[in-house]
C-alpha atoms as a PDB file:
ATOM      1  CA  MET A   1     120.172 131.947  85.065  1.00  0.00           C
ATOM      2  CA  LEU A   2     116.506 131.770  85.989  1.00  0.00           C
ATOM      3  CA  ARG A   3     115.670 132.282  89.642  1.00  0.00           C
ATOM      4  CA  GLN A   4     113.197 129.814  91.099  1.00  0.00           C
ATOM      5  CA  LYS A   5     110.166 131.424  92.677  1.00  0.00           C
ATOM      6  CA  THR A   6     109.134 130.846  96.253  1.00  0.00           C
ATOM      7  CA  ILE A   7     105.739 129.359  97.022  1.00  0.00           C
ATOM      8  CA  ARG A   8     104.441 132.798  98.059  1.00  0.00           C
ATOM      9  CA  GLU A   9     105.582 134.329  94.766  1.00  0.00           C
ATOM     10  CA  VAL A  10     103.867 131.549  92.797  1.00  0.00           C
ATOM     11  CA  ARG A  11     100.625 132.037  94.726  1.00  0.00           C
ATOM     12  CA  LYS A  12     100.735 135.798  94.188  1.00  0.00           C
ATOM     13  CA  ALA A  13     101.432 135.398  90.468  1.00  0.00           C
ATOM     14  CA  LEU A  14      98.648 132.846  90.083  1.00  0.00           C
ATOM     15  CA  GLN A  15      96.158 135.179  91.768  1.00  0.00           C
ATOM     16  CA  SER A  16      96.763 137.733  89.018  1.00  0.00           C
ATOM     17  CA  PHE A  17      95.500 135.368  86.268  1.00  0.00           C
ATOM     18  CA  PRO A  18      92.079 136.315  84.889  1.00  0.00           C
ATOM     19  CA  ALA A  19      89.182 134.366  86.377  1.00  0.00           C
ATOM     20  CA  GLY A  20      87.240 133.982  83.124  1.00  0.00           C
ATOM     21  CA  ARG A  21      88.084 133.036  79.567  1.00  0.00           C
ATOM     22  CA  SER A  22      86.726 134.176  76.256  1.00  0.00           C
ATOM     23  CA  GLY A  23      84.871 131.871  73.904  1.00  0.00           C
ATOM     24  CA  SER A  24      82.507 129.116  74.958  1.00  0.00           C
ATOM     25  CA  ASN A  25      83.610 129.354  78.595  1.00  0.00           C
ATOM     26  CA  ALA A  26      83.146 133.139  78.803  1.00  0.00           C
ATOM     27  CA  GLY A  27      80.208 132.994  81.204  1.00  0.00           C
ATOM     28  CA  ARG A  28      81.684 130.325  83.416  1.00  0.00           C
ATOM     29  CA  LYS A  29      84.078 131.302  86.189  1.00  0.00           C
ATOM     30  CA  ARG A  30      87.084 129.148  86.802  1.00  0.00           C
ATOM     31  CA  ASP A  31      89.504 129.028  89.698  1.00  0.00           C
ATOM     32  CA  ALA A  32      92.412 131.370  88.959  1.00  0.00           C
ATOM     33  CA  THR A  33      94.878 128.962  90.556  1.00  0.00           C
ATOM     34  CA  PRO A  34      95.593 125.840  88.511  1.00  0.00           C
ATOM     35  CA  SER A  35      95.573 122.773  90.696  1.00  0.00           C
ATOM     36  CA  TYR A  36      94.899 119.080  90.837  1.00  0.00           C
ATOM     37  CA  SER A  37      91.742 117.631  92.382  1.00  0.00           C
ATOM     38  CA  ARG A  38      91.712 116.335  95.942  1.00  0.00           C
ATOM     39  CA  SER A  39      91.669 112.754  94.695  1.00  0.00           C
ATOM     40  CA  ASP A  40      94.691 113.476  92.478  1.00  0.00           C
ATOM     41  CA  LEU A  41      96.522 115.065  95.408  1.00  0.00           C
ATOM     42  CA  GLU A  42      95.766 112.047  97.595  1.00  0.00           C
ATOM     43  CA  HIS A  43      97.050 109.803  94.808  1.00  0.00           C
ATOM     44  CA  PHE A  44     100.300 111.807  94.669  1.00  0.00           C
ATOM     45  CA  ARG A  45     100.514 111.822  98.480  1.00  0.00           C
ATOM     46  CA  SER A  46     100.303 108.021  98.420  1.00  0.00           C
ATOM     47  CA  ILE A  47     103.092 107.790  95.834  1.00  0.00           C
ATOM     48  CA  ILE A  48     105.266 110.167  97.864  1.00  0.00           C
ATOM     49  CA  LEU A  49     104.625 108.343 101.158  1.00  0.00           C
ATOM     50  CA  ASN A  50     105.516 104.982  99.568  1.00  0.00           C
ATOM     51  CA  MET A  51     108.669 106.444  98.065  1.00  0.00           C
ATOM     52  CA  ARG A  52     109.521 108.098 101.391  1.00  0.00           C
ATOM     53  CA  GLN A  53     109.181 104.774 103.213  1.00  0.00           C
ATOM     54  CA  GLU A  54     111.556 103.124 100.719  1.00  0.00           C
ATOM     55  CA  VAL A  55     114.092 105.948 101.108  1.00  0.00           C
ATOM     56  CA  VAL A  56     113.954 105.731 104.922  1.00  0.00           C
ATOM     57  CA  GLN A  57     114.551 101.963 104.734  1.00  0.00           C
ATOM     58  CA  ASP A  58     117.431 102.467 102.282  1.00  0.00           C
ATOM     59  CA  LEU A  59     118.997 105.032 104.600  1.00  0.00           C
ATOM     60  CA  GLN A  60     118.721 102.648 107.560  1.00  0.00           C
ATOM     61  CA  VAL A  61     120.475  99.915 105.583  1.00  0.00           C
ATOM     62  CA  LEU A  62     123.171 102.319 104.392  1.00  0.00           C
ATOM     63  CA  ARG A  63     123.781 103.695 107.880  1.00  0.00           C
ATOM     64  CA  GLU A  64     123.909 100.193 109.363  1.00  0.00           C
ATOM     65  CA  GLY A  65     126.512  99.367 106.724  1.00  0.00           C
ATOM     66  CA  VAL A  66     128.630 102.269 107.937  1.00  0.00           C
ATOM     67  CA  ASN A  67     128.239 101.218 111.583  1.00  0.00           C
ATOM     68  CA  ASN A  68     129.028  97.562 110.850  1.00  0.00           C
ATOM     69  CA  SER A  69     131.945  98.309 108.537  1.00  0.00           C
ATOM     70  CA  THR A  70     135.003  96.147 108.933  1.00  0.00           C
ATOM     71  CA  TRP A  71     137.263  98.946 107.751  1.00  0.00           C
ATOM     72  CA  GLU A  72     139.427 100.245 110.538  1.00  0.00           C
ATOM     73  CA  GLY A  73     141.279 103.459 110.009  1.00  0.00           C
ATOM     74  CA  GLY A  74     143.460 102.898 113.073  1.00  0.00           C
ATOM     75  CA  ALA A  75     145.137  99.673 111.993  1.00  0.00           C
ATOM     76  CA  SER A  76     148.679  99.087 113.210  1.00  0.00           C
ATOM     77  CA  HIS A  77     151.722  99.834 111.087  1.00  0.00           C
ATOM     78  CA  SER A  78     152.403  96.146 110.468  1.00  0.00           C
ATOM     79  CA  GLN A  79     148.838  95.628 109.236  1.00  0.00           C
ATOM     80  CA  HIS A  80     149.235  98.530 106.808  1.00  0.00           C
ATOM     81  CA  VAL A  81     152.508  97.138 105.512  1.00  0.00           C
ATOM     82  CA  GLU A  82     150.935  93.736 104.917  1.00  0.00           C
ATOM     83  CA  ALA A  83     147.776  95.100 103.323  1.00  0.00           C
ATOM     84  CA  ASN A  84     147.577  95.170  99.596  1.00  0.00           C
ATOM     85  CA  PHE A  85     147.541  98.707  98.164  1.00  0.00           C
ATOM     86  CA  MET A  86     144.749  97.804  95.765  1.00  0.00           C
ATOM     87  CA  GLU A  87     142.502  96.492  98.548  1.00  0.00           C
ATOM     88  CA  ARG A  88     142.947  99.695 100.533  1.00  0.00           C
ATOM     89  CA  SER A  89     142.170 101.782  97.463  1.00  0.00           C
ATOM     90  CA  LEU A  90     139.032  99.776  96.778  1.00  0.00           C
ATOM     91  CA  ASP A  91     137.944 100.116 100.420  1.00  0.00           C
ATOM     92  CA  ALA A  92     138.392 103.885 100.269  1.00  0.00           C
ATOM     93  CA  ALA A  93     136.489 104.103  96.983  1.00  0.00           C
ATOM     94  CA  ALA A  94     133.662 101.966  98.392  1.00  0.00           C
ATOM     95  CA  GLN A  95     133.450 104.206 101.458  1.00  0.00           C
ATOM     96  CA  GLU A  96     133.238 107.315  99.288  1.00  0.00           C
ATOM     97  CA  GLN A  97     130.523 105.723  97.168  1.00  0.00           C
ATOM     98  CA  HIS A  98     128.650 104.693 100.319  1.00  0.00           C
ATOM     99  CA  ALA A  99     128.819 108.244 101.682  1.00  0.00           C
ATOM    100  CA  ALA A 100     127.591 109.615  98.343  1.00  0.00           C
ATOM    101  CA  MET A 101     124.612 107.226  98.390  1.00  0.00           C
ATOM    102  CA  ILE A 102     123.717 108.332 101.935  1.00  0.00           C
ATOM    103  CA  SER A 103     123.943 111.967 100.864  1.00  0.00           C
ATOM    104  CA  ARG A 104     121.803 111.390  97.766  1.00  0.00           C
ATOM    105  CA  GLN A 105     119.114 109.500  99.704  1.00  0.00           C
ATOM    106  CA  THR A 106     119.066 112.168 102.439  1.00  0.00           C
ATOM    107  CA  LYS A 107     118.555 114.870  99.811  1.00  0.00           C
ATOM    108  CA  LEU A 108     115.747 112.827  98.206  1.00  0.00           C
ATOM    109  CA  LEU A 109     114.085 112.394 101.609  1.00  0.00           C
ATOM    110  CA  LYS A 110     114.130 116.179 102.154  1.00  0.00           C
ATOM    111  CA  SER A 111     112.646 116.714  98.678  1.00  0.00           C
ATOM    112  CA  LEU A 112     109.858 114.234  99.406  1.00  0.00           C
ATOM    113  CA  GLU A 113     109.099 115.961 102.721  1.00  0.00           C
ATOM    114  CA  ALA A 114     108.945 119.306 100.891  1.00  0.00           C
ATOM    115  CA  ALA A 115     106.534 117.804  98.325  1.00  0.00           C
ATOM    116  CA  LEU A 116     104.241 116.638 101.136  1.00  0.00           C
ATOM    117  CA  GLN A 117     104.339 120.157 102.560  1.00  0.00           C
ATOM    118  CA  ARG A 118     103.406 121.598  99.138  1.00  0.00           C
ATOM    119  CA  ILE A 119     100.390 119.254  99.042  1.00  0.00           C
ATOM    120  CA  ASP A 120      99.335 120.541 102.477  1.00  0.00           C
ATOM    121  CA  GLU A 121      99.797 124.158 101.332  1.00  0.00           C
ATOM    122  CA  GLY A 122      97.804 123.615  98.136  1.00  0.00           C
ATOM    123  CA  VAL A 123     100.612 124.397  95.695  1.00  0.00           C
ATOM    124  CA  TYR A 124     101.716 120.883  94.768  1.00  0.00           C
ATOM    125  CA  GLY A 125     102.113 120.261  91.058  1.00  0.00           C
ATOM    126  CA  ILE A 126     102.539 123.925  90.144  1.00  0.00           C
ATOM    127  CA  CYS A 127     105.798 124.773  88.372  1.00  0.00           C
ATOM    128  CA  VAL A 128     107.784 127.265  90.447  1.00  0.00           C
ATOM    129  CA  THR A 129     109.233 128.792  87.280  1.00  0.00           C
ATOM    130  CA  CYS A 130     106.256 129.349  84.960  1.00  0.00           C
ATOM    131  CA  GLY A 131     103.218 128.727  87.214  1.00  0.00           C
ATOM    132  CA  ASN A 132     101.685 126.061  84.948  1.00  0.00           C
ATOM    133  CA  LEU A 133     100.531 122.676  86.195  1.00  0.00           C
ATOM    134  CA  ILE A 134     103.218 120.028  85.958  1.00  0.00           C
ATOM    135  CA  ASP A 135     102.119 117.106  83.786  1.00  0.00           C
ATOM    136  CA  ARG A 136     100.557 114.261  85.740  1.00  0.00           C
ATOM    137  CA  GLU A 137     102.857 111.748  84.025  1.00  0.00           C
ATOM    138  CA  ARG A 138     105.930 113.665  85.219  1.00  0.00           C
ATOM    139  CA  LEU A 139     104.616 113.820  88.797  1.00  0.00           C
ATOM    140  CA  GLU A 140     103.957 110.076  88.744  1.00  0.00           C
ATOM    141  CA  VAL A 141     107.617 109.431  87.879  1.00  0.00           C
ATOM    142  CA  VAL A 142     109.260 112.273  89.820  1.00  0.00           C
ATOM    143  CA  PRO A 143     106.684 113.184  92.488  1.00  0.00           C
ATOM    144  CA  HIS A 144     109.022 115.604  94.274  1.00  0.00           C
ATOM    145  CA  THR A 145     109.696 117.764  91.213  1.00  0.00           C
ATOM    146  CA  GLN A 146     109.013 121.497  91.359  1.00  0.00           C
ATOM    147  CA  GLN A 147     109.358 122.253  87.660  1.00  0.00           C
ATOM    148  CA  CYS A 148     107.499 121.236  84.524  1.00  0.00           C
ATOM    149  CA  VAL A 149     109.556 119.456  81.910  1.00  0.00           C
ATOM    150  CA  HIS A 150     109.685 122.566  79.714  1.00  0.00           C
ATOM    151  CA  CYS A 151     111.230 124.718  82.436  1.00  0.00           C
ATOM    152  CA  LYS A 152     113.528 121.937  83.639  1.00  0.00           C
ATOM    153  CA  THR A 153     114.967 121.432  80.156  1.00  0.00           C
ATOM    154  CA  GLY A 154     114.859 125.121  79.252  1.00  0.00           C
ATOM    155  CA  LYS A 155     112.637 124.506  76.214  1.00  0.00           C
ATOM    156  CA  ARG A 156     109.438 126.344  75.427  1.00  0.00           C
ATOM    157  CA  GLY A 157     106.402 124.458  74.258  1.00  0.00           C
ATOM    158  CA  PRO A 158     102.954 125.480  73.102  1.00  0.00           C
ATOM    159  CA  SER A 159     101.562 125.478  76.649  1.00  0.00           C
ATOM    160  CA  THR A 160     104.378 127.437  78.273  1.00  0.00           C
ATOM    161  CA  PRO A 161     104.155 131.229  78.546  1.00  0.00           C
ATOM    162  CA  ASP A 162     106.657 133.445  76.792  1.00  0.00           C
ATOM    163  CA  ARG A 163     109.656 133.871  79.007  1.00  0.00           C
ATOM    164  CA  PRO A 164     113.316 134.413  78.267  1.00  0.00           C
ATOM    165  CA  LEU A 165     115.366 131.264  77.951  1.00  0.00           C
ATOM    166  CA  PRO A 166     118.570 131.072  79.982  1.00  0.00           C
ATOM    167  CA  GLU A 167     121.602 132.249  78.137  1.00  0.00           C
ATOM    168  CA  THR A 168     124.114 129.588  77.185  1.00  0.00           C
ATOM    169  CA  PRO A 169     127.738 130.693  77.611  1.00  0.00           C
ATOM    170  CA  GLY A 170     129.675 130.858  74.348  1.00  0.00           C
ATOM    171  CA  MET A 171     126.572 131.087  72.136  1.00  0.00           C
ATOM    172  CA  THR A 172     125.707 134.314  70.335  1.00  0.00           C
END
């Protein structure tokens, strides 16, 4: 299994890339660290902040639903006897689904906060696995991602550096 690199490891690896290129750009220096422009980063920040606001509102609604729930775990014995088994099962399943939605939204909120921090640190949009820039289209759809689509799916493309693919159990 591939280990994800920390932000410091990505920065250090990116600093080792050559500053110049051969060919028509040989005389022109380029920044060794791939990155998006300030206007692009502000665009992504705006997307993330809008998404974050939606997630916070969703969490408020979900948590209010838990607080205003009509389900009472301490119902009397006679109420339990009269209650339909199917209704109780559905209530329990709904509660589990509700808790899962809260957990998922909380995790998304943390991922969005981490993406904002990466923008502030200047490493947003850089794949933590291969060090390449993540495609703009991918960041527009999944702005909190830390991996390019090639690394996420485990497939190599023409723009990804040679690296070992993860081994799949049972395949030789």
